[in-house]
């Protein structure tokens, strides 16, 4: 008689159904808290490309965060003509 081996997908399904556990080895992107976003956009508005570059290096999810008006850091940097910041944000994956 063949022994059936459960795959990772089956184990994940069992964990979700039994314990409400989700993720199963897949890391979800952390979400920025409102204070983080405000501080990040303060650096963006101030034109501080060095600080912005450091922040997106440590917290890459900030690269595509939106401010209270729905603007991205990249759109603000482009509007201000801050090429150094545009470059740093683009390298960090900002869209």
N, C-alpha and C. Protein backbone atom coordinates (compact mmCIF):
# COMPACT_ATOMS: atom_id res chain seq x y z
N UNK A 1 0.84 -1.17 0.00
CA UNK A 1 0.00 0.00 0.00
C UNK A 1 0.89 1.25 0.00
N UNK A 2 0.56 2.22 -0.85
CA UNK A 2 1.34 3.45 -0.94
C UNK A 2 1.04 4.38 0.22
N UNK A 3 2.07 4.98 0.71
CA UNK A 3 1.92 5.98 1.77
C UNK A 3 1.77 7.34 1.11
N UNK A 4 0.74 8.07 1.48
CA UNK A 4 0.50 9.39 0.90
C UNK A 4 1.26 10.44 1.69
N UNK A 5 2.00 11.27 1.00
CA UNK A 5 2.77 12.34 1.64
C UNK A 5 2.07 13.65 1.36
N UNK A 6 1.80 14.39 2.41
CA UNK A 6 1.15 15.69 2.25
C UNK A 6 2.17 16.72 1.80
N UNK A 7 1.78 17.50 0.83
CA UNK A 7 2.62 18.60 0.35
C UNK A 7 2.40 19.84 1.19
N UNK A 8 3.22 20.81 0.97
CA UNK A 8 3.13 22.08 1.70
C UNK A 8 1.76 22.72 1.53
N UNK A 9 1.21 22.64 0.32
CA UNK A 9 -0.11 23.24 0.08
C UNK A 9 -1.17 22.60 0.95
N UNK A 10 -1.13 21.30 1.10
CA UNK A 10 -2.11 20.60 1.91
C UNK A 10 -1.94 20.97 3.38
N UNK A 11 -0.71 21.08 3.84
CA UNK A 11 -0.45 21.46 5.23
C UNK A 11 -0.97 22.87 5.50
N UNK A 12 -0.73 23.76 4.56
CA UNK A 12 -1.21 25.14 4.70
C UNK A 12 -2.73 25.17 4.78
N UNK A 13 -3.37 24.41 3.92
CA UNK A 13 -4.82 24.35 3.91
C UNK A 13 -5.35 23.84 5.25
N UNK A 14 -4.71 22.81 5.79
CA UNK A 14 -5.11 22.27 7.09
C UNK A 14 -4.94 23.30 8.20
N UNK A 15 -3.81 24.01 8.21
CA UNK A 15 -3.56 25.02 9.23
C UNK A 15 -4.58 26.14 9.17
N UNK A 16 -4.89 26.57 7.96
CA UNK A 16 -5.87 27.65 7.80
C UNK A 16 -7.23 27.20 8.30
N UNK A 17 -7.64 26.00 7.91
CA UNK A 17 -8.97 25.54 8.31
C UNK A 17 -9.06 25.24 9.80
N UNK A 18 -7.99 24.77 10.41
CA UNK A 18 -8.03 24.40 11.82
C UNK A 18 -7.77 25.57 12.77
N UNK A 19 -6.82 26.41 12.41
CA UNK A 19 -6.38 27.43 13.36
C UNK A 19 -6.49 28.86 12.84
N UNK A 20 -6.91 29.02 11.65
CA UNK A 20 -7.00 30.36 11.09
C UNK A 20 -5.63 30.94 10.76
N UNK A 21 -4.63 30.07 10.66
CA UNK A 21 -3.27 30.52 10.33
C UNK A 21 -3.21 30.78 8.83
N UNK A 22 -2.62 31.87 8.45
CA UNK A 22 -2.48 32.14 7.02
C UNK A 22 -1.04 32.52 6.72
N UNK A 23 -0.73 32.57 5.46
CA UNK A 23 0.62 32.94 5.04
C UNK A 23 1.38 31.76 4.51
N UNK A 24 1.53 30.75 5.31
CA UNK A 24 2.19 29.50 4.94
C UNK A 24 3.50 29.73 4.19
N UNK A 25 4.41 30.41 4.83
CA UNK A 25 5.73 30.60 4.26
C UNK A 25 5.85 31.78 3.34
N UNK A 26 4.76 32.43 3.02
CA UNK A 26 4.81 33.59 2.14
C UNK A 26 4.81 34.83 3.00
N UNK A 27 5.84 35.62 2.86
CA UNK A 27 5.91 36.86 3.63
C UNK A 27 5.04 37.92 2.97
N UNK A 28 4.18 38.50 3.78
CA UNK A 28 3.39 39.60 3.24
C UNK A 28 4.17 40.89 3.47
N UNK A 29 3.96 41.82 2.59
CA UNK A 29 4.65 43.10 2.72
C UNK A 29 4.15 43.83 3.96
N UNK A 30 5.08 44.31 4.77
CA UNK A 30 4.64 45.06 5.95
C UNK A 30 3.95 46.35 5.52
N UNK A 31 3.03 46.76 6.32
CA UNK A 31 2.33 48.01 6.02
C UNK A 31 2.93 49.13 6.86
N UNK A 32 3.04 50.26 6.24
CA UNK A 32 3.56 51.43 6.95
C UNK A 32 2.49 51.99 7.86
N UNK A 33 2.89 52.37 9.05
CA UNK A 33 1.92 53.00 9.94
C UNK A 33 1.82 54.49 9.58
N UNK A 34 0.73 55.14 9.98
CA UNK A 34 0.52 56.55 9.59
C UNK A 34 1.65 57.49 10.00
N UNK A 35 2.25 57.27 11.16
CA UNK A 35 3.35 58.14 11.60
C UNK A 35 4.54 57.99 10.68
N UNK A 36 4.85 56.75 10.31
CA UNK A 36 5.96 56.48 9.38
C UNK A 36 5.74 57.19 8.06
N UNK A 37 4.53 57.09 7.56
CA UNK A 37 4.19 57.71 6.27
C UNK A 37 4.33 59.22 6.35
N UNK A 38 3.82 59.82 7.42
CA UNK A 38 3.93 61.29 7.58
C UNK A 38 5.39 61.71 7.63
N UNK A 39 6.20 61.00 8.40
CA UNK A 39 7.62 61.35 8.52
C UNK A 39 8.33 61.20 7.18
N UNK A 40 8.00 60.14 6.46
CA UNK A 40 8.58 59.90 5.15
C UNK A 40 8.24 61.05 4.20
N UNK A 41 6.96 61.43 4.17
CA UNK A 41 6.54 62.50 3.26
C UNK A 41 7.04 63.87 3.69
N UNK A 42 7.36 64.03 4.97
CA UNK A 42 8.00 65.28 5.41
C UNK A 42 9.38 65.38 4.76
N UNK A 43 10.13 64.27 4.75
CA UNK A 43 11.44 64.25 4.10
C UNK A 43 11.30 64.48 2.60
N UNK A 44 10.27 63.90 2.00
CA UNK A 44 10.03 64.09 0.57
C UNK A 44 9.74 65.56 0.27
N UNK A 45 8.83 66.15 1.03
CA UNK A 45 8.46 67.56 0.82
C UNK A 45 9.65 68.49 1.08
N UNK A 46 10.50 68.12 2.05
CA UNK A 46 11.68 68.93 2.35
C UNK A 46 12.76 68.78 1.28
N UNK A 47 12.59 67.81 0.38
CA UNK A 47 13.57 67.59 -0.69
C UNK A 47 14.83 66.90 -0.21
N UNK A 48 14.76 66.20 0.91
CA UNK A 48 15.93 65.54 1.49
C UNK A 48 16.12 64.15 0.87
N UNK A 49 16.78 64.11 -0.27
CA UNK A 49 16.97 62.87 -1.03
C UNK A 49 17.78 61.83 -0.25
N UNK A 50 18.74 62.29 0.55
CA UNK A 50 19.57 61.36 1.32
C UNK A 50 18.72 60.60 2.34
N UNK A 51 17.89 61.31 3.08
CA UNK A 51 17.02 60.68 4.08
C UNK A 51 16.01 59.77 3.40
N UNK A 52 15.41 60.22 2.30
CA UNK A 52 14.43 59.42 1.57
C UNK A 52 15.07 58.12 1.08
N UNK A 53 16.28 58.22 0.52
CA UNK A 53 16.99 57.03 0.03
C UNK A 53 17.26 56.04 1.16
N UNK A 54 17.66 56.56 2.31
CA UNK A 54 17.92 55.69 3.47
C UNK A 54 16.64 55.02 3.96
N UNK A 55 15.56 55.79 4.00
CA UNK A 55 14.29 55.24 4.47
C UNK A 55 13.78 54.12 3.57
N UNK A 56 13.81 54.33 2.25
CA UNK A 56 13.30 53.28 1.36
C UNK A 56 14.23 52.08 1.29
N UNK A 57 15.49 52.28 1.65
CA UNK A 57 16.41 51.14 1.70
C UNK A 57 16.06 50.24 2.88
N UNK A 58 15.75 50.85 4.02
CA UNK A 58 15.42 50.10 5.23
C UNK A 58 13.96 49.63 5.23
N UNK A 59 13.09 50.46 4.66
CA UNK A 59 11.64 50.17 4.63
C UNK A 59 11.14 50.33 3.20
N UNK A 60 11.42 49.36 2.34
CA UNK A 60 11.10 49.49 0.92
C UNK A 60 9.61 49.70 0.62
N UNK A 61 8.75 49.29 1.51
CA UNK A 61 7.32 49.48 1.30
C UNK A 61 6.92 50.95 1.29
N UNK A 62 7.78 51.82 1.80
CA UNK A 62 7.49 53.26 1.77
C UNK A 62 7.61 53.83 0.35
N UNK A 63 8.35 53.16 -0.51
CA UNK A 63 8.59 53.67 -1.87
C UNK A 63 7.28 53.88 -2.63
N UNK A 64 6.26 53.09 -2.33
CA UNK A 64 4.98 53.23 -3.04
C UNK A 64 3.85 53.69 -2.12
N UNK A 65 4.21 54.21 -0.96
CA UNK A 65 3.19 54.75 -0.05
C UNK A 65 2.59 56.00 -0.66
N UNK A 66 1.38 56.32 -0.23
CA UNK A 66 0.71 57.53 -0.71
C UNK A 66 0.44 58.46 0.46
N UNK A 67 0.54 59.76 0.19
CA UNK A 67 0.27 60.74 1.23
C UNK A 67 -1.24 60.90 1.42
N UNK A 68 -1.63 61.82 2.27
CA UNK A 68 -3.04 62.03 2.58
C UNK A 68 -3.87 62.42 1.35
N UNK A 69 -3.20 62.98 0.34
CA UNK A 69 -3.89 63.40 -0.88
C UNK A 69 -3.80 62.34 -1.98
N UNK A 70 -3.18 61.20 -1.66
CA UNK A 70 -3.07 60.11 -2.63
C UNK A 70 -1.89 60.21 -3.57
N UNK A 71 -0.97 61.13 -3.29
CA UNK A 71 0.22 61.30 -4.15
C UNK A 71 1.33 60.37 -3.67
N UNK A 72 2.12 59.89 -4.62
CA UNK A 72 3.29 59.09 -4.27
C UNK A 72 4.50 60.00 -4.11
N UNK A 73 5.50 59.49 -3.43
CA UNK A 73 6.74 60.25 -3.25
C UNK A 73 7.38 60.54 -4.61
N UNK A 74 7.30 59.57 -5.52
CA UNK A 74 7.90 59.76 -6.84
C UNK A 74 7.23 60.90 -7.60
N UNK A 75 5.91 60.98 -7.53
CA UNK A 75 5.22 62.07 -8.24
C UNK A 75 5.58 63.42 -7.65
N UNK A 76 5.75 63.48 -6.34
CA UNK A 76 6.13 64.73 -5.68
C UNK A 76 7.56 65.12 -6.07
N UNK A 77 8.47 64.14 -6.04
CA UNK A 77 9.86 64.40 -6.40
C UNK A 77 9.98 64.88 -7.85
N UNK A 78 9.21 64.26 -8.74
CA UNK A 78 9.23 64.69 -10.15
C UNK A 78 8.71 66.11 -10.30
N UNK A 79 7.62 66.42 -9.60
CA UNK A 79 7.03 67.76 -9.67
C UNK A 79 8.00 68.81 -9.16
N UNK A 80 8.77 68.46 -8.12
CA UNK A 80 9.75 69.39 -7.55
C UNK A 80 11.03 69.45 -8.38
N UNK A 81 11.18 68.52 -9.32
CA UNK A 81 12.40 68.49 -10.14
C UNK A 81 13.61 67.98 -9.37
N UNK A 82 13.38 67.16 -8.36
CA UNK A 82 14.46 66.63 -7.53
C UNK A 82 14.95 65.31 -8.14
N UNK A 83 15.88 65.43 -9.09
CA UNK A 83 16.37 64.26 -9.83
C UNK A 83 17.05 63.23 -8.93
N UNK A 84 17.75 63.69 -7.92
CA UNK A 84 18.42 62.76 -7.00
C UNK A 84 17.39 61.89 -6.27
N UNK A 85 16.31 62.51 -5.82
CA UNK A 85 15.25 61.77 -5.13
C UNK A 85 14.51 60.86 -6.11
N UNK A 86 14.23 61.35 -7.30
CA UNK A 86 13.57 60.52 -8.33
C UNK A 86 14.39 59.27 -8.57
N UNK A 87 15.69 59.42 -8.70
CA UNK A 87 16.58 58.29 -8.93
C UNK A 87 16.54 57.30 -7.76
N UNK A 88 16.62 57.82 -6.54
CA UNK A 88 16.60 56.95 -5.35
C UNK A 88 15.27 56.19 -5.24
N UNK A 89 14.18 56.87 -5.50
CA UNK A 89 12.86 56.23 -5.43
C UNK A 89 12.66 55.21 -6.54
N UNK A 90 13.13 55.53 -7.74
CA UNK A 90 13.01 54.60 -8.85
C UNK A 90 13.82 53.33 -8.58
N UNK A 91 15.02 53.51 -8.05
CA UNK A 91 15.86 52.34 -7.70
C UNK A 91 15.19 51.48 -6.63
N UNK A 92 14.39 52.11 -5.77
CA UNK A 92 13.70 51.39 -4.69
C UNK A 92 12.40 50.75 -5.19
N UNK A 93 12.06 50.96 -6.45
CA UNK A 93 10.87 50.34 -7.01
C UNK A 93 9.63 51.19 -6.99
N UNK A 94 9.79 52.47 -6.74
CA UNK A 94 8.64 53.37 -6.71
C UNK A 94 8.04 53.49 -8.10
N UNK A 95 6.71 53.57 -8.12
CA UNK A 95 6.00 53.68 -9.41
C UNK A 95 5.19 54.95 -9.47
